[in-house]
Every structure is written in structure tokens, then in C-alpha cells.
PDB file of N, CA and C in Angstrom:
ATOM      1  N   MET A   1      20.797  -4.640   6.493  1.00  0.00           N
ATOM      2  CA  MET A   1      19.374  -4.824   6.312  1.00  0.00           C
ATOM      3  C   MET A   1      18.585  -3.709   6.980  1.00  0.00           C
ATOM      4  N   ARG A   2      19.190  -3.076   7.970  1.00  0.00           N
ATOM      5  CA  ARG A   2      18.485  -1.997   8.646  1.00  0.00           C
ATOM      6  C   ARG A   2      18.266  -0.824   7.692  1.00  0.00           C
ATOM      7  N   ASN A   3      19.252  -0.506   6.878  1.00  0.00           N
ATOM      8  CA  ASN A   3      19.093   0.578   5.899  1.00  0.00           C
ATOM      9  C   ASN A   3      18.035   0.211   4.867  1.00  0.00           C
ATOM     10  N   PHE A   4      18.071  -1.029   4.412  1.00  0.00           N
ATOM     11  CA  PHE A   4      17.077  -1.503   3.453  1.00  0.00           C
ATOM     12  C   PHE A   4      15.673  -1.391   4.038  1.00  0.00           C
ATOM     13  N   GLY A   5      15.494  -1.770   5.298  1.00  0.00           N
ATOM     14  CA  GLY A   5      14.204  -1.671   5.958  1.00  0.00           C
ATOM     15  C   GLY A   5      13.719  -0.237   6.056  1.00  0.00           C
ATOM     16  N   GLY A   6      14.616   0.670   6.354  1.00  0.00           N
ATOM     17  CA  GLY A   6      14.241   2.088   6.425  1.00  0.00           C
ATOM     18  C   GLY A   6      13.809   2.640   5.090  1.00  0.00           C
ATOM     19  N   ILE A   7      14.540   2.254   4.050  1.00  0.00           N
ATOM     20  CA  ILE A   7      14.187   2.723   2.702  1.00  0.00           C
ATOM     21  C   ILE A   7      12.842   2.160   2.274  1.00  0.00           C
ATOM     22  N   VAL A   8      12.607   0.870   2.520  1.00  0.00           N
ATOM     23  CA  VAL A   8      11.342   0.241   2.146  1.00  0.00           C
ATOM     24  C   VAL A   8      10.187   0.850   2.943  1.00  0.00           C
ATOM     25  N   LEU A   9      10.419   1.144   4.210  1.00  0.00           N
ATOM     26  CA  LEU A   9       9.391   1.767   5.042  1.00  0.00           C
ATOM     27  C   LEU A   9       9.006   3.139   4.487  1.00  0.00           C
ATOM     28  N   VAL A  10       9.988   3.954   4.172  1.00  0.00           N
ATOM     29  CA  VAL A  10       9.711   5.291   3.653  1.00  0.00           C
ATOM     30  C   VAL A  10       9.005   5.211   2.300  1.00  0.00           C
ATOM     31  N   LEU A  11       9.460   4.314   1.426  1.00  0.00           N
ATOM     32  CA  LEU A  11       8.805   4.171   0.122  1.00  0.00           C
ATOM     33  C   LEU A  11       7.365   3.685   0.267  1.00  0.00           C
ATOM     34  N   GLY A  12       7.131   2.772   1.187  1.00  0.00           N
ATOM     35  CA  GLY A  12       5.772   2.291   1.418  1.00  0.00           C
ATOM     36  C   GLY A  12       4.852   3.385   1.930  1.00  0.00           C
ATOM     37  N   ILE A  13       5.355   4.210   2.835  1.00  0.00           N
ATOM     38  CA  ILE A  13       4.551   5.315   3.369  1.00  0.00           C
ATOM     39  C   ILE A  13       4.254   6.335   2.282  1.00  0.00           C
ATOM     40  N   LEU A  14       5.253   6.675   1.488  1.00  0.00           N
ATOM     41  CA  LEU A  14       5.036   7.631   0.395  1.00  0.00           C
ATOM     42  C   LEU A  14       4.044   7.092  -0.630  1.00  0.00           C
ATOM     43  N   ALA A  15       4.171   5.819  -0.967  1.00  0.00           N
ATOM     44  CA  ALA A  15       3.241   5.218  -1.922  1.00  0.00           C
ATOM     45  C   ALA A  15       1.823   5.174  -1.358  1.00  0.00           C
ATOM     46  N   PHE A  16       1.685   4.940  -0.052  1.00  0.00           N
ATOM     47  CA  PHE A  16       0.369   4.928   0.584  1.00  0.00           C
ATOM     48  C   PHE A  16      -0.296   6.295   0.454  1.00  0.00           C
ATOM     49  N   PHE A  17       0.449   7.345   0.758  1.00  0.00           N
ATOM     50  CA  PHE A  17      -0.131   8.686   0.670  1.00  0.00           C
ATOM     51  C   PHE A  17      -0.423   9.076  -0.779  1.00  0.00           C
ATOM     52  N   TYR A  18       0.425   8.653  -1.711  1.00  0.00           N
ATOM     53  CA  TYR A  18       0.166   8.944  -3.122  1.00  0.00           C
ATOM     54  C   TYR A  18      -1.101   8.233  -3.588  1.00  0.00           C
ATOM     55  N   ALA A  19      -1.250   6.961  -3.242  1.00  0.00           N
ATOM     56  CA  ALA A  19      -2.448   6.221  -3.644  1.00  0.00           C
ATOM     57  C   ALA A  19      -3.689   6.796  -2.973  1.00  0.00           C
ATOM     58  N   SER A  20      -3.573   7.253  -1.745  1.00  0.00           N
ATOM     59  CA  SER A  20      -4.707   7.871  -1.058  1.00  0.00           C
ATOM     60  C   SER A  20      -5.135   9.157  -1.743  1.00  0.00           C
ATOM     61  N   SER A  21      -4.170   9.943  -2.176  1.00  0.00           N
ATOM     62  CA  SER A  21      -4.522  11.193  -2.861  1.00  0.00           C
ATOM     63  C   SER A  21      -5.150  10.917  -4.227  1.00  0.00           C
ATOM     64  N   ARG A  22      -4.678   9.894  -4.912  1.00  0.00           N
ATOM     65  CA  ARG A  22      -5.276   9.534  -6.204  1.00  0.00           C
ATOM     66  C   ARG A  22      -6.666   8.926  -6.021  1.00  0.00           C
ATOM     67  N   LEU A  23      -6.886   8.258  -4.907  1.00  0.00           N
ATOM     68  CA  LEU A  23      -8.185   7.654  -4.618  1.00  0.00           C
ATOM     69  C   LEU A  23      -9.248   8.729  -4.411  1.00  0.00           C
ATOM     70  N   ASP A  24      -8.848   9.886  -3.904  1.00  0.00           N
ATOM     71  CA  ASP A  24      -9.795  10.983  -3.716  1.00  0.00           C
ATOM     72  C   ASP A  24     -10.282  11.560  -5.038  1.00  0.00           C
ATOM     73  N   ASP A  25      -9.511  11.377  -6.113  1.00  0.00           N
ATOM     74  CA  ASP A  25      -9.851  11.969  -7.410  1.00  0.00           C
ATOM     75  C   ASP A  25     -10.788  11.116  -8.248  1.00  0.00           C
ATOM     76  N   VAL A  26     -11.013   9.864  -7.890  1.00  0.00           N
ATOM     77  CA  VAL A  26     -11.843   8.975  -8.705  1.00  0.00           C
ATOM     78  C   VAL A  26     -13.186   8.721  -8.026  1.00  0.00           C
ATOM     79  N   GLU A  27     -14.124   8.211  -8.802  1.00  0.00           N
ATOM     80  CA  GLU A  27     -15.448   7.885  -8.266  1.00  0.00           C
ATOM     81  C   GLU A  27     -15.355   6.746  -7.273  1.00  0.00           C
ATOM     82  N   PRO A  28     -16.148   6.796  -6.196  1.00  0.00           N
ATOM     83  CA  PRO A  28     -16.112   5.686  -5.231  1.00  0.00           C
ATOM     84  C   PRO A  28     -16.689   4.403  -5.826  1.00  0.00           C
ATOM     85  N   LEU A  29     -16.292   3.281  -5.252  1.00  0.00           N
ATOM     86  CA  LEU A  29     -16.776   1.984  -5.716  1.00  0.00           C
ATOM     87  C   LEU A  29     -18.209   1.748  -5.262  1.00  0.00           C
ATOM     88  N   ALA A  30     -18.950   1.006  -6.071  1.00  0.00           N
ATOM     89  CA  ALA A  30     -20.290   0.588  -5.690  1.00  0.00           C
ATOM     90  C   ALA A  30     -20.192  -0.516  -4.640  1.00  0.00           C
ATOM     91  N   GLN A  31     -21.176  -0.613  -3.796  1.00  0.00           N
ATOM     92  CA  GLN A  31     -21.188  -1.636  -2.754  1.00  0.00           C
ATOM     93  C   GLN A  31     -21.471  -3.004  -3.359  1.00  0.00           C
ATOM     94  N   GLY A  32     -20.936  -4.040  -2.773  1.00  0.00           N
ATOM     95  CA  GLY A  32     -21.244  -5.406  -3.167  1.00  0.00           C
ATOM     96  C   GLY A  32     -20.444  -5.942  -4.333  1.00  0.00           C
ATOM     97  N   LEU A  33     -19.368  -5.289  -4.719  1.00  0.00           N
ATOM     98  CA  LEU A  33     -18.535  -5.785  -5.808  1.00  0.00           C
ATOM     99  C   LEU A  33     -17.538  -6.810  -5.279  1.00  0.00           C
ATOM    100  N   SER A  34     -17.242  -7.794  -6.102  1.00  0.00           N
ATOM    101  CA  SER A  34     -16.181  -8.728  -5.731  1.00  0.00           C
ATOM    102  C   SER A  34     -14.833  -8.063  -6.000  1.00  0.00           C
ATOM    103  N   VAL A  35     -13.785  -8.700  -5.547  1.00  0.00           N
ATOM    104  CA  VAL A  35     -12.448  -8.125  -5.714  1.00  0.00           C
ATOM    105  C   VAL A  35     -12.086  -8.027  -7.196  1.00  0.00           C
ATOM    106  N   SER A  36     -12.404  -9.057  -7.960  1.00  0.00           N
ATOM    107  CA  SER A  36     -12.056  -9.026  -9.386  1.00  0.00           C
ATOM    108  C   SER A  36     -12.852  -7.959 -10.131  1.00  0.00           C
ATOM    109  N   GLU A  37     -14.091  -7.728  -9.730  1.00  0.00           N
ATOM    110  CA  GLU A  37     -14.884  -6.664 -10.360  1.00  0.00           C
ATOM    111  C   GLU A  37     -14.372  -5.288  -9.946  1.00  0.00           C
ATOM    112  N   ALA A  38     -13.956  -5.160  -8.694  1.00  0.00           N
ATOM    113  CA  ALA A  38     -13.455  -3.873  -8.206  1.00  0.00           C
ATOM    114  C   ALA A  38     -12.138  -3.497  -8.875  1.00  0.00           C
ATOM    115  N   LEU A  39     -11.313  -4.486  -9.199  1.00  0.00           N
ATOM    116  CA  LEU A  39     -10.018  -4.186  -9.822  1.00  0.00           C
ATOM    117  C   LEU A  39     -10.157  -3.696 -11.264  1.00  0.00           C
ATOM    118  N   LYS A  40     -11.318  -3.862 -11.841  1.00  0.00           N
ATOM    119  CA  LYS A  40     -11.553  -3.364 -13.201  1.00  0.00           C
ATOM    120  C   LYS A  40     -11.842  -1.868 -13.219  1.00  0.00           C
ATOM    121  N   GLN A  41     -12.057  -1.280 -12.054  1.00  0.00           N
ATOM    122  CA  GLN A  41     -12.349   0.148 -11.954  1.00  0.00           C
ATOM    123  C   GLN A  41     -11.157   0.871 -11.334  1.00  0.00           C
ATOM    124  N   PRO A  42     -10.961   2.140 -11.681  1.00  0.00           N
ATOM    125  CA  PRO A  42      -9.802   2.869 -11.145  1.00  0.00           C
ATOM    126  C   PRO A  42      -9.788   2.956  -9.624  1.00  0.00           C
ATOM    127  N   ALA A  43     -10.937   3.147  -9.002  1.00  0.00           N
ATOM    128  CA  ALA A  43     -10.961   3.261  -7.542  1.00  0.00           C
ATOM    129  C   ALA A  43     -10.524   1.951  -6.886  1.00  0.00           C
ATOM    130  N   GLY A  44     -10.897   0.836  -7.471  1.00  0.00           N
ATOM    131  CA  GLY A  44     -10.485  -0.452  -6.927  1.00  0.00           C
ATOM    132  C   GLY A  44      -8.993  -0.681  -7.046  1.00  0.00           C
ATOM    133  N   ARG A  45      -8.427  -0.241  -8.160  1.00  0.00           N
ATOM    134  CA  ARG A  45      -6.977  -0.395  -8.334  1.00  0.00           C
ATOM    135  C   ARG A  45      -6.209   0.481  -7.348  1.00  0.00           C
ATOM    136  N   TRP A  46      -6.667   1.710  -7.127  1.00  0.00           N
ATOM    137  CA  TRP A  46      -5.982   2.581  -6.177  1.00  0.00           C
ATOM    138  C   TRP A  46      -6.166   2.096  -4.754  1.00  0.00           C
ATOM    139  N   GLN A  47      -7.325   1.503  -4.459  1.00  0.00           N
ATOM    140  CA  GLN A  47      -7.539   0.944  -3.131  1.00  0.00           C
ATOM    141  C   GLN A  47      -6.576  -0.225  -2.882  1.00  0.00           C
ATOM    142  N   MET A  48      -6.417  -1.082  -3.881  1.00  0.00           N
ATOM    143  CA  MET A  48      -5.477  -2.200  -3.733  1.00  0.00           C
ATOM    144  C   MET A  48      -4.035  -1.702  -3.655  1.00  0.00           C
ATOM    145  N   ALA A  49      -3.727  -0.605  -4.354  1.00  0.00           N
ATOM    146  CA  ALA A  49      -2.389  -0.015  -4.256  1.00  0.00           C
ATOM    147  C   ALA A  49      -2.135   0.495  -2.840  1.00  0.00           C
ATOM    148  N   ARG A  50      -3.177   1.035  -2.213  1.00  0.00           N
ATOM    149  CA  ARG A  50      -3.044   1.472  -0.821  1.00  0.00           C
ATOM    150  C   ARG A  50      -2.751   0.305   0.099  1.00  0.00           C
ATOM    151  N   TYR A  51      -3.501  -0.782  -0.056  1.00  0.00           N
ATOM    152  CA  TYR A  51      -3.269  -1.968   0.773  1.00  0.00           C
ATOM    153  C   TYR A  51      -1.874  -2.545   0.529  1.00  0.00           C
ATOM    154  N   GLY A  52      -1.472  -2.607  -0.723  1.00  0.00           N
ATOM    155  CA  GLY A  52      -0.147  -3.139  -1.047  1.00  0.00           C
ATOM    156  C   GLY A  52       0.971  -2.292  -0.476  1.00  0.00           C
ATOM    157  N   SER A  53       0.832  -0.976  -0.577  1.00  0.00           N
ATOM    158  CA  SER A  53       1.883  -0.104  -0.053  1.00  0.00           C
ATOM    159  C   SER A  53       1.909  -0.135   1.480  1.00  0.00           C
ATOM    160  N   ALA A  54       0.761  -0.334   2.119  1.00  0.00           N
ATOM    161  CA  ALA A  54       0.755  -0.495   3.576  1.00  0.00           C
ATOM    162  C   ALA A  54       1.479  -1.790   3.960  1.00  0.00           C
ATOM    163  N   GLY A  55       1.303  -2.839   3.163  1.00  0.00           N
ATOM    164  CA  GLY A  55       2.018  -4.086   3.401  1.00  0.00           C
ATOM    165  C   GLY A  55       3.516  -3.925   3.217  1.00  0.00           C
ATOM    166  N   VAL A  56       3.913  -3.181   2.204  1.00  0.00           N
ATOM    167  CA  VAL A  56       5.340  -2.924   1.964  1.00  0.00           C
ATOM    168  C   VAL A  56       5.926  -2.124   3.123  1.00  0.00           C
ATOM    169  N   ALA A  57       5.182  -1.132   3.603  1.00  0.00           N
ATOM    170  CA  ALA A  57       5.654  -0.338   4.743  1.00  0.00           C
ATOM    171  C   ALA A  57       5.774  -1.216   5.993  1.00  0.00           C
ATOM    172  N   GLY A  58       4.836  -2.127   6.182  1.00  0.00           N
ATOM    173  CA  GLY A  58       4.911  -3.044   7.319  1.00  0.00           C
ATOM    174  C   GLY A  58       6.117  -3.957   7.233  1.00  0.00           C
ATOM    175  N   PHE A  59       6.413  -4.444   6.034  1.00  0.00           N
ATOM    176  CA  PHE A  59       7.601  -5.269   5.833  1.00  0.00           C
ATOM    177  C   PHE A  59       8.868  -4.461   6.123  1.00  0.00           C
ATOM    178  N   GLY A  60       8.879  -3.210   5.682  1.00  0.00           N
ATOM    179  CA  GLY A  60      10.025  -2.349   5.962  1.00  0.00           C
ATOM    180  C   GLY A  60      10.216  -2.116   7.450  1.00  0.00           C
ATOM    181  N   LEU A  61       9.105  -1.973   8.171  1.00  0.00           N
ATOM    182  CA  LEU A  61       9.192  -1.802   9.616  1.00  0.00           C
ATOM    183  C   LEU A  61       9.768  -3.046  10.289  1.00  0.00           C
ATOM    184  N   LEU A  62       9.331  -4.210   9.840  1.00  0.00           N
ATOM    185  CA  LEU A  62       9.892  -5.445  10.387  1.00  0.00           C
ATOM    186  C   LEU A  62      11.384  -5.560  10.106  1.00  0.00           C
ATOM    187  N   MET A  63      11.788  -5.218   8.892  1.00  0.00           N
ATOM    188  CA  MET A  63      13.215  -5.281   8.545  1.00  0.00           C
ATOM    189  C   MET A  63      14.017  -4.243   9.329  1.00  0.00           C
ATOM    190  N   LEU A  64      13.385  -3.135   9.647  1.00  0.00           N
ATOM    191  CA  LEU A  64      14.063  -2.097  10.418  1.00  0.00           C
ATOM    192  C   LEU A  64      14.242  -2.527  11.874  1.00  0.00           C
ATOM    193  N   LEU A  65      13.226  -3.170  12.438  1.00  0.00           N
ATOM    194  CA  LEU A  65      13.285  -3.564  13.849  1.00  0.00           C
ATOM    195  C   LEU A  65      14.073  -4.849  14.070  1.00  0.00           C
ATOM    196  N   PHE A  66      13.945  -5.797  13.145  1.00  0.00           N
ATOM    197  CA  PHE A  66      14.606  -7.105  13.292  1.00  0.00           C
ATOM    198  C   PHE A  66      15.467  -7.392  12.067  1.00  0.00           C
ATOM    199  N   PRO A  67      16.584  -6.718  11.894  1.00  0.00           N
ATOM    200  CA  PRO A  67      17.358  -6.875  10.665  1.00  0.00           C
ATOM    201  C   PRO A  67      18.010  -8.252  10.495  1.00  0.00           C
ATOM    202  N   LYS A  68      18.334  -8.929  11.597  1.00  0.00           N
ATOM    203  CA  LYS A  68      19.001 -10.234  11.486  1.00  0.00           C
ATOM    204  C   LYS A  68      18.118 -11.391  11.909  1.00  0.00           C
ATOM    205  N   GLY A  69      16.847 -11.113  12.178  1.00  0.00           N
ATOM    206  CA  GLY A  69      15.960 -12.168  12.661  1.00  0.00           C
ATOM    207  C   GLY A  69      16.111 -12.333  14.159  1.00  0.00           C
ATOM    208  N   ARG A  70      15.507 -13.347  14.696  1.00  0.00           N
ATOM    209  CA  ARG A  70      15.566 -13.554  16.147  1.00  0.00           C
ATOM    210  C   ARG A  70      16.540 -14.609  16.510  1.00  0.00           C
TER     211      ARG A  70
END
């Protein structure tokens, strides 16, 4: 599980940086949009991809540090 955690961590970090670079290329979101309205726009989708990839990287870090649980 330690190898799996390392791979997931690296993939999450790479996906975070990729989504961040793509987020720079699109128009920023307007203020006051709900989540469902924001997901209809490209910037909202890339922002959610950033959050998701950060979550995946966090899961990979947990699997790397605690491969067998406590």
C-alpha cells in the first residue's frame, strides 16, 4: 500500500498543477455563483478539478504514511 500511496500522491500533485495551469487560461468566475452554476463554466470545472486532485493527493499522503492503518 505504500507504493500505491506514493503513486496516488504524485498523480494528485501533477493533476493539481495541470488544473492550475489550465485555470490560468480561462476567464475567471463571476462572484456569487452557486456550485452548480459554476460547474457549467470552464473555470468552475477546472477549479473543482484542482480541489479533487488536492483531495486525491491528500489520500495518497495518508496511504503513504499509514499503509496498514493504526
